[in-house]
Protein backbone atom coordinates (compact mmCIF):
# COMPACT_ATOMS: atom_id res chain seq x y z
CA UNK A 1 3.16 1.50 1.73
CA UNK A 2 5.05 2.40 0.53
CA UNK A 3 2.83 2.82 -0.81
CA UNK A 4 0.10 1.17 -1.76
CA UNK A 5 -0.33 0.21 -5.52
CA UNK A 6 -3.35 2.46 -6.17
CA UNK A 7 -5.40 1.69 -9.00
CA UNK A 8 -4.68 5.41 -10.93
CA UNK A 9 -0.96 5.20 -11.03
CA UNK A 10 0.33 6.19 -14.03
CA UNK A 11 1.17 2.58 -16.19
CA UNK A 12 1.14 4.15 -19.46
CA UNK A 13 2.98 2.44 -22.33
CA UNK A 14 5.76 4.20 -23.85
CA UNK A 15 4.52 4.19 -27.82
CA UNK A 16 8.02 3.34 -29.12
CA UNK A 17 8.51 0.27 -27.37
CA UNK A 18 9.65 -1.99 -30.67
CA UNK A 19 12.17 0.67 -31.43
CA UNK A 20 13.51 0.08 -27.19
CA UNK A 21 13.73 -3.86 -27.03
CA UNK A 22 16.84 -4.11 -27.35
CA UNK A 23 18.25 -1.83 -24.33
CA UNK A 24 15.13 -3.17 -22.20
CA UNK A 25 17.29 -6.01 -20.66
CA UNK A 26 20.04 -3.64 -19.76
CA UNK A 27 17.60 -1.52 -18.35
CA UNK A 28 16.34 -4.28 -15.87
CA UNK A 29 19.46 -5.47 -15.29
CA UNK A 30 20.88 -2.38 -14.26
CA UNK A 31 18.31 -1.70 -11.17
CA UNK A 32 15.64 0.23 -12.57
CA UNK A 33 13.27 -1.82 -12.71
CA UNK A 34 10.29 -2.06 -9.99
CA UNK A 35 7.07 -4.47 -9.81
CA UNK A 36 5.06 -2.91 -7.72
CA UNK A 37 4.64 0.63 -6.16
CA UNK A 38 6.73 2.09 -3.53
CA UNK A 39 7.07 0.00 -0.11
CA UNK A 40 4.52 0.01 2.22
CA UNK A 41 7.22 -0.72 5.34
CA UNK A 42 10.63 0.39 6.33
CA UNK A 43 11.90 -2.97 4.91
CA UNK A 44 13.44 -3.68 1.71
CA UNK A 45 10.91 -6.10 -0.08
CA UNK A 46 12.11 -9.68 -0.96
CA UNK A 47 11.03 -11.63 -3.99
CA UNK A 48 9.17 -14.24 -2.81
CA UNK A 49 7.58 -17.36 -4.62
CA UNK A 50 4.00 -18.23 -3.56
CA UNK A 51 3.09 -21.82 -3.61
CA UNK A 52 -0.49 -23.08 -2.71
CA UNK A 53 -1.30 -20.63 0.02
CA UNK A 54 -5.01 -21.74 0.54
CA UNK A 55 -6.01 -24.50 3.21
CA UNK A 56 -8.98 -25.35 4.22
CA UNK A 57 -10.40 -24.43 7.05
CA UNK A 58 -13.44 -24.65 9.43
CA UNK A 59 -15.40 -21.45 10.91
CA UNK A 60 -14.46 -22.70 14.36
CA UNK A 61 -10.72 -22.30 13.59
CA UNK A 62 -11.14 -18.52 13.44
CA UNK A 63 -10.39 -17.12 17.15
CA UNK A 64 -12.81 -14.86 17.92
CA UNK A 65 -15.38 -15.73 15.01
CA UNK A 66 -18.07 -15.33 17.86
CA UNK A 67 -17.37 -12.04 18.52
CA UNK A 68 -20.67 -10.07 18.13
CA UNK A 69 -18.98 -6.64 17.38
CA UNK A 70 -16.74 -7.00 14.68
CA UNK A 71 -18.63 -8.34 12.02
CA UNK A 72 -21.49 -5.25 12.34
CA UNK A 73 -18.26 -2.57 12.50
CA UNK A 74 -16.36 -4.56 9.14
CA UNK A 75 -19.79 -4.74 6.95
CA UNK A 76 -19.44 -1.39 5.62
CA UNK A 77 -16.06 -1.76 4.06
CA UNK A 78 -17.85 -5.25 2.67
CA UNK A 79 -20.06 -3.25 1.29
CA UNK A 80 -17.05 -1.45 -0.04
CA UNK A 81 -15.77 -4.34 -1.92
CA UNK A 82 -18.75 -5.76 -3.31
CA UNK A 83 -18.96 -2.16 -5.11
CA UNK A 84 -15.89 -3.57 -6.90
CA UNK A 85 -16.77 -7.39 -7.01
CA UNK A 86 -20.59 -7.01 -7.51
CA UNK A 87 -20.40 -7.03 -11.53
CA UNK A 88 -17.90 -10.32 -11.52
CA UNK A 89 -19.48 -13.67 -11.87
CA UNK A 90 -17.82 -15.47 -9.44
CA UNK A 91 -18.38 -12.71 -6.54
CA UNK A 92 -21.65 -11.72 -8.08
CA UNK A 93 -23.74 -13.95 -5.75
CA UNK A 94 -22.31 -13.11 -1.90
CA UNK A 95 -22.36 -9.32 -3.27
CA UNK A 96 -25.98 -9.16 -4.09
CA UNK A 97 -27.00 -11.09 -0.57
CA UNK A 98 -24.55 -8.55 0.96
CA UNK A 99 -26.25 -5.64 -0.73
CA UNK A 100 -29.95 -7.36 -0.08
CA UNK A 101 -29.52 -7.45 3.71
CA UNK A 102 -32.18 -5.40 5.55
CA UNK A 103 -30.59 -2.09 7.95
CA UNK A 104 -31.72 -4.17 10.68
CA UNK A 105 -29.86 -7.73 9.48
CA UNK A 106 -26.79 -5.30 9.16
CA UNK A 107 -26.77 -4.36 12.80
CA UNK A 108 -27.15 -7.90 13.85
CA UNK A 109 -24.16 -9.98 14.59
CA UNK A 110 -25.88 -13.40 14.14
CA UNK A 111 -27.64 -12.33 10.50
CA UNK A 112 -23.95 -11.08 9.31
CA UNK A 113 -22.49 -14.29 10.86
CA UNK A 114 -25.63 -16.34 8.70
CA UNK A 115 -24.44 -14.52 5.56
CA UNK A 116 -20.92 -15.05 5.60
CA UNK A 117 -21.18 -18.79 6.67
CA UNK A 118 -23.79 -19.51 3.26
CA UNK A 119 -22.14 -17.20 1.09
CA UNK A 120 -18.35 -18.05 1.98
CA UNK A 121 -15.57 -20.91 2.78
CA UNK A 122 -12.70 -20.22 5.18
CA UNK A 123 -8.91 -20.78 4.11
CA UNK A 124 -6.29 -20.21 6.17
CA UNK A 125 -3.43 -18.75 4.11
CA UNK A 126 0.14 -20.46 4.56
CA UNK A 127 3.31 -20.29 3.97
CA UNK A 128 5.43 -22.52 1.59
CA UNK A 129 6.17 -24.66 4.22
CA UNK A 130 2.52 -24.86 5.70
CA UNK A 131 3.32 -22.04 8.55
CA UNK A 132 0.71 -20.03 9.40
CA UNK A 133 2.26 -17.22 11.24
CA UNK A 134 3.04 -14.19 9.23
CA UNK A 135 4.20 -10.16 10.04
CA UNK A 136 1.70 -7.64 10.36
CA UNK A 137 2.34 -4.02 9.88
CA UNK A 138 0.48 -0.81 9.85
CA UNK A 139 -0.11 2.40 7.82
CA UNK A 140 -2.14 5.36 7.52
CA UNK A 141 -2.58 8.98 6.35
CA UNK A 142 -0.89 11.49 7.56
CA UNK A 143 -1.71 15.59 7.54
CA UNK A 144 1.37 18.16 6.87
CA UNK A 145 1.48 21.67 7.30
CA UNK A 146 2.14 23.22 3.90
CA UNK A 147 0.86 25.72 1.30
CA UNK A 148 0.19 25.94 -2.75
CA UNK A 149 2.72 28.47 -2.86
CA UNK A 150 6.43 28.10 -1.73
CA UNK A 151 7.25 30.54 1.33
CA UNK A 152 9.89 30.74 4.04
CA UNK A 153 8.17 27.86 5.97
CA UNK A 154 6.65 25.57 2.91
CA UNK A 155 10.08 24.79 1.45
CA UNK A 156 9.65 21.28 0.20
CA UNK A 157 7.82 20.65 -2.93
CA UNK A 158 5.32 17.55 -3.72
CA UNK A 159 6.09 16.72 -7.36
CA UNK A 160 3.69 15.43 -9.95
CA UNK A 161 4.73 12.76 -12.66
CA UNK A 162 7.49 13.97 -15.13
CA UNK A 163 6.52 14.13 -18.47
CA UNK A 164 9.78 12.70 -19.29
CA UNK A 165 9.18 9.37 -17.08
CA UNK A 166 8.40 6.36 -19.06
CA UNK A 167 6.96 3.30 -17.57
CA UNK A 168 7.34 0.49 -20.01
CA UNK A 169 5.36 -2.80 -19.02
CA UNK A 170 7.77 -5.90 -20.09
CA UNK A 171 4.87 -7.99 -20.13
CA UNK A 172 3.58 -6.34 -23.11
CA UNK A 173 6.89 -7.46 -24.82
CA UNK A 174 7.94 -10.49 -23.28
CA UNK A 175 4.27 -12.94 -21.61
CA UNK A 176 6.93 -14.76 -19.18
CA UNK A 177 7.54 -11.20 -17.54
CA UNK A 178 3.86 -10.20 -16.92
CA UNK A 179 3.22 -7.52 -14.21
CA UNK A 180 7.11 -6.32 -14.30
CA UNK A 181 7.61 -3.44 -15.74
CA UNK A 182 10.72 -0.47 -16.23
CA UNK A 183 10.84 2.95 -15.27
CA UNK A 184 13.37 5.35 -16.94
CA UNK A 185 13.82 8.21 -19.48
CA UNK A 186 15.03 8.57 -22.71
CA UNK A 187 18.82 9.77 -23.43
CA UNK A 188 20.46 10.65 -26.78
CA UNK A 189 19.99 7.97 -29.43
CA UNK A 190 16.95 7.01 -27.79
CA UNK A 191 18.24 4.72 -25.51
CA UNK A 192 16.44 4.32 -22.52
CA UNK A 193 18.30 4.81 -19.36
CA UNK A 194 17.34 4.52 -14.99
CA UNK A 195 15.05 7.54 -14.02
CA UNK A 196 17.20 10.50 -12.01
CA UNK A 197 17.59 9.18 -8.40
CA UNK A 198 16.37 11.36 -5.40
CA UNK A 199 20.04 12.63 -4.69
CA UNK A 200 19.93 13.98 -8.10
CA UNK A 201 16.09 15.03 -8.35
CA UNK A 202 16.74 16.81 -5.23
CA UNK A 203 19.92 18.66 -6.61
CA UNK A 204 18.18 19.73 -9.81
CA UNK A 205 14.70 19.34 -9.72
CA UNK A 206 13.89 21.76 -12.85
CA UNK A 207 15.23 19.18 -15.55
CA UNK A 208 12.02 16.99 -14.31
CA UNK A 209 9.95 19.80 -15.35
CA UNK A 210 7.53 18.25 -13.11
CA UNK A 211 4.08 20.03 -12.06
CA UNK A 212 4.66 21.31 -8.02
CA UNK A 213 0.81 20.44 -6.61
CA UNK A 214 1.76 21.68 -3.00
CA UNK A 215 4.80 22.68 -0.60
CA UNK A 216 5.30 21.46 2.81
CA UNK A 217 7.28 22.85 5.82
CA UNK A 218 9.29 19.63 6.75
CA UNK A 219 10.99 17.31 4.75
CA UNK A 220 10.94 14.29 6.69
CA UNK A 221 7.18 14.73 6.73
CA UNK A 222 7.33 14.46 2.83
CA UNK A 223 9.75 11.82 3.01
CA UNK A 224 7.38 9.59 5.09
CA UNK A 225 4.28 10.92 2.52
CA UNK A 226 6.02 9.15 0.09
CA UNK A 227 6.13 6.02 1.99
CA UNK A 228 2.30 6.22 3.35
CA UNK A 229 1.32 6.58 -0.69
CA UNK A 230 -1.01 9.47 0.32
CA UNK A 231 -2.07 12.08 2.61
CA UNK A 232 -3.72 15.72 2.86
CA UNK A 233 -2.02 18.80 3.09
CA UNK A 234 -3.65 21.42 5.44
CA UNK A 235 -3.08 24.97 3.89
CA UNK A 236 -3.04 28.42 5.87
CA UNK A 237 -6.22 29.22 4.60
CA UNK A 238 -7.84 25.84 6.76
CA UNK A 239 -8.33 24.20 3.42
CA UNK A 240 -7.09 20.67 3.13
CA UNK A 241 -5.53 19.63 -0.53
CA UNK A 242 -5.57 15.31 -0.49
CA UNK A 243 -2.67 14.08 -2.74
CA UNK A 244 -2.08 9.94 -3.73
CA UNK A 245 0.47 7.55 -5.04
CA UNK A 246 0.58 8.98 -9.36
CA UNK A 247 4.06 6.94 -10.10
CA UNK A 248 7.87 6.36 -8.73
CA UNK A 249 10.91 6.87 -10.40
CA UNK A 250 11.95 3.16 -10.85
CA UNK A 251 14.90 3.33 -8.30
CA UNK A 252 15.07 0.75 -5.95
CA UNK A 253 13.73 1.55 -1.99
CA UNK A 254 16.37 1.88 0.66
CA UNK A 255 15.11 1.81 4.37
CA UNK A 256 16.68 5.02 5.89
CA UNK A 257 15.56 3.28 9.50
CA UNK A 258 18.63 0.15 8.00
CA UNK A 259 21.00 3.07 7.46
CA UNK A 260 20.45 4.51 10.76
CA UNK A 261 21.04 1.75 12.38
CA UNK A 262 24.05 0.69 10.21
CA UNK A 263 25.22 4.10 11.38
CA UNK A 264 25.35 3.02 15.10
CA UNK A 265 22.36 6.43 15.51
CA UNK A 266 19.93 3.94 16.23
CA UNK A 267 19.00 0.27 17.22
CA UNK A 268 16.53 -2.13 15.78
CA UNK A 269 14.07 -1.01 18.68
CA UNK A 270 14.15 2.52 17.87
CA UNK A 271 14.19 2.80 14.50
CA UNK A 272 10.28 3.41 14.20
CA UNK A 273 8.82 6.02 12.04
CA UNK A 274 8.48 7.95 15.30
CA UNK A 275 12.37 7.38 16.23
CA UNK A 276 13.52 8.72 12.86
CA UNK A 277 11.32 11.69 13.10
CA UNK A 278 13.04 12.21 16.15
CA UNK A 279 16.65 11.83 14.95
CA UNK A 280 15.79 13.99 12.41
CA UNK A 281 14.82 16.59 14.14
CA UNK A 282 17.70 16.49 16.38
CA UNK A 283 20.24 16.45 13.47
CA UNK A 284 18.33 19.10 10.95
CA UNK A 285 21.93 19.14 8.84
CA UNK A 286 22.01 15.57 8.47
CA UNK A 287 18.43 14.83 6.87
CA UNK A 288 19.23 15.27 3.36
CA UNK A 289 22.04 13.27 3.19
CA UNK A 290 20.13 10.62 5.07
CA UNK A 291 16.99 10.90 2.33
CA UNK A 292 19.61 10.48 -0.36
CA UNK A 293 20.49 7.01 0.99
CA UNK A 294 17.19 6.23 -0.70
CA UNK A 295 17.16 6.42 -4.25
CA UNK A 296 13.62 5.89 -4.54
CA UNK A 297 11.26 8.97 -5.04
CA UNK A 298 7.71 9.29 -5.49
CA UNK A 299 5.04 11.24 -7.80
CA UNK A 300 1.72 12.19 -6.80
CA UNK A 301 -1.54 13.39 -8.21
CA UNK A 302 -4.39 15.30 -6.27
CA UNK A 303 -7.23 13.26 -5.11
CA UNK A 304 -10.58 14.26 -5.49
CA UNK A 305 -12.42 14.94 -1.84
CA UNK A 306 -16.25 13.38 -1.87
CA UNK A 307 -18.25 16.28 -0.46
CA UNK A 308 -20.98 14.16 0.78
CA UNK A 309 -18.27 12.20 2.85
CA UNK A 310 -15.03 14.50 3.02
CA UNK A 311 -13.52 12.09 5.59
CA UNK A 312 -13.68 9.27 3.52
CA UNK A 313 -10.37 7.47 3.40
CA UNK A 314 -8.13 7.35 0.06
CA UNK A 315 -8.33 5.29 -2.78
CA UNK A 316 -6.34 1.66 -1.98
CA UNK A 317 -5.94 -0.68 -4.82
CA UNK A 318 -9.14 -2.11 -5.38
CA UNK A 319 -10.69 1.27 -6.26
CA UNK A 320 -12.64 2.07 -3.28
CA UNK A 321 -12.18 4.26 -0.51
CA UNK A 322 -10.23 2.23 2.56
CA UNK A 323 -11.62 2.42 5.65
CA UNK A 324 -9.70 2.61 9.50
CA UNK A 325 -9.38 -0.88 11.15
CA UNK A 326 -11.34 -2.56 8.46
CA UNK A 327 -9.01 -2.52 5.20
CA UNK A 328 -5.45 -4.29 5.05
CA UNK A 329 -2.92 -4.05 1.62
CA UNK A 330 -2.18 -7.75 0.84
CA UNK A 331 0.22 -9.91 -1.69
CA UNK A 332 -2.54 -10.62 -4.44
CA UNK A 333 -0.96 -13.52 -5.70
CA UNK A 334 -2.48 -15.03 -2.08
CA UNK A 335 -5.28 -13.24 -0.98
CA UNK A 336 -7.95 -12.00 -3.82
CA UNK A 337 -8.53 -8.12 -4.01
CA UNK A 338 -11.39 -7.55 -2.32
CA UNK A 339 -11.84 -10.57 -0.44
CA UNK A 340 -12.98 -10.82 3.51
CA UNK A 341 -9.92 -11.60 5.73
CA UNK A 342 -10.20 -12.61 9.38
CA UNK A 343 -7.38 -11.36 11.43
CA UNK A 344 -6.18 -13.09 14.47
CA UNK A 345 -3.06 -10.95 15.65
CA UNK A 346 -2.29 -8.33 18.59
CA UNK A 347 -2.43 -4.44 19.00
CA UNK A 348 0.73 -2.91 18.77
CA UNK A 349 3.64 -3.17 21.24
CA UNK A 350 1.59 -5.52 23.35
CA UNK A 351 -0.46 -9.26 23.69
CA UNK A 352 -3.73 -7.68 23.54
CA UNK A 353 -5.56 -9.75 21.17
CA UNK A 354 -7.01 -8.63 17.54
CA UNK A 355 -9.38 -10.49 16.22
CA UNK A 356 -11.63 -9.16 13.64
CA UNK A 357 -13.20 -9.41 9.85
CA UNK A 358 -11.08 -7.05 7.90
CA UNK A 359 -11.20 -6.42 3.42
CA UNK A 360 -8.13 -6.98 1.45
CA UNK A 361 -8.75 -3.75 -0.43
CA UNK A 362 -5.22 -2.76 -1.09
CA UNK A 363 -1.35 -4.02 -1.79
CA UNK A 364 1.67 -2.78 -1.34
CA UNK A 365 5.79 -3.13 -2.75
CA UNK A 366 6.83 -4.28 0.61
CA UNK A 367 3.63 -6.61 1.42
CA UNK A 368 4.89 -9.90 -0.34
CA UNK A 369 4.13 -13.40 0.77
CA UNK A 370 1.05 -15.49 1.76
CA UNK A 371 0.73 -14.24 5.26
CA UNK A 372 1.64 -10.73 5.14
CA UNK A 373 -0.96 -7.98 5.45
CA UNK A 374 -0.51 -3.79 6.41
CA UNK A 375 -3.09 -2.83 8.71
CA UNK A 376 -4.77 0.40 7.40
CA UNK A 377 -4.96 2.60 10.80
CA UNK A 378 -6.76 5.77 9.02
CA UNK A 379 -5.97 9.38 9.31
CA UNK A 380 -3.86 11.75 11.59
CA UNK A 381 -1.20 11.70 14.03
CA UNK A 382 -2.89 9.14 16.42
CA UNK A 383 -3.22 6.75 13.67
CA UNK A 384 0.31 7.34 12.55
CA UNK A 385 1.62 6.53 16.18
CA UNK A 386 -0.41 2.85 16.01
CA UNK A 387 1.11 2.35 12.20
CA UNK A 388 4.60 3.31 13.16
CA UNK A 389 4.75 1.00 16.31
CA UNK A 390 3.03 -2.20 14.35
CA UNK A 391 5.26 -5.02 13.32
CA UNK A 392 3.29 -8.07 15.05
CA UNK A 393 3.13 -11.82 14.42
CA UNK A 394 -0.12 -13.36 13.51
CA UNK A 395 -2.39 -15.62 10.79
CA UNK A 396 -4.67 -14.75 8.59
CA UNK A 397 -8.19 -16.72 7.13
CA UNK A 398 -9.44 -15.68 3.51
CA UNK A 399 -13.38 -15.99 3.38
CA UNK A 400 -13.90 -16.75 -0.13
CA UNK A 401 -17.29 -17.71 -2.17
CA UNK A 402 -16.97 -21.29 -3.62
CA UNK A 403 -17.02 -19.98 -6.72
CA UNK A 404 -14.05 -17.57 -6.76
CA UNK A 405 -11.91 -19.93 -4.73
CA UNK A 406 -8.71 -19.79 -7.63
CA UNK A 407 -8.38 -23.79 -7.62
CA UNK A 408 -4.51 -24.09 -8.48
CA UNK A 409 -3.72 -22.33 -5.03
CA UNK A 410 -5.57 -24.40 -2.96
CA UNK A 411 -3.25 -27.02 -0.79
CA UNK A 412 -4.68 -30.58 -0.65
């Protein structure tokens, strides 16, 4: 995603902000500013102004809304959203009603459809020009092979957040820059300068003084872990360590797929995640040079594992576990985080319809625009296969309680 905007990301403010104000503009213009966590797709995010993205709709406008199966399968994810939103006054009534449904009602499509039609109103997400079509990509939680200590195979480190990495919220100084931040480090004379690039980190990692959380045996898999934002590391004893996004070096993201296309090594059709992985395995001596073309670098933290549900998805920006096939990452400027969303698209590389209820439970740096979503496929190789192939067109509708509808975002 790159990856999703996890709520645990270290958005700490450096206590000496007043002394740094003079240098912030220089840092911002120098390209060390980032407004989100790392990108969730292999495309460089583009700043898009969103104007009135919600168009009132009717339930009959939602293709496949009468499908019996999809509502039942999605309802556990709905309850997860309500765990985060239920205490908000604008969502309280809808979430209280959701939790009050009996087990039999939760398995009854008619009862669930009646619940949504009573407590929500549908709004089609539209682009600024009123167009309803947009782009849907996919992401997943990978499994890497590794160890807690470096060895002959596990040679590539997963780093925690370096202690000298500064994250400065510009909105604390300039209200018009709310939501924007810069990352950097202090140089001589208390001057803030951009943090080390990927190439600089790889060349001399000890100067970061970052803790190594684990070691893995494949550099390209580690790179894609940074793009996905969370994953699991299989240890030699069979145990697994779960890691998730903690912070990023503030450098701009560069798609290595685009680099390979420019070099003529891959075509636009073959520059998928799988295509890049295959190229890396066939060109091991060129891998580090390719990775260095992307100056962005992601740092991780260890994620706890629920002993009662060890296979639960990683936490998304909403703060609840993601549900495979039912959670999406969205642009929260258009789609309220936590909202149910009706998706009308197709399965990866096919014309097979995918019409289902999903929940907007995550965000991502490359997920920009009103009709834009990243579909969470789940954990492991098969999920990764589907996520890597997904680049579909489609439409989406946000389902919102009347009290939660942002009036300034509704189109006349």
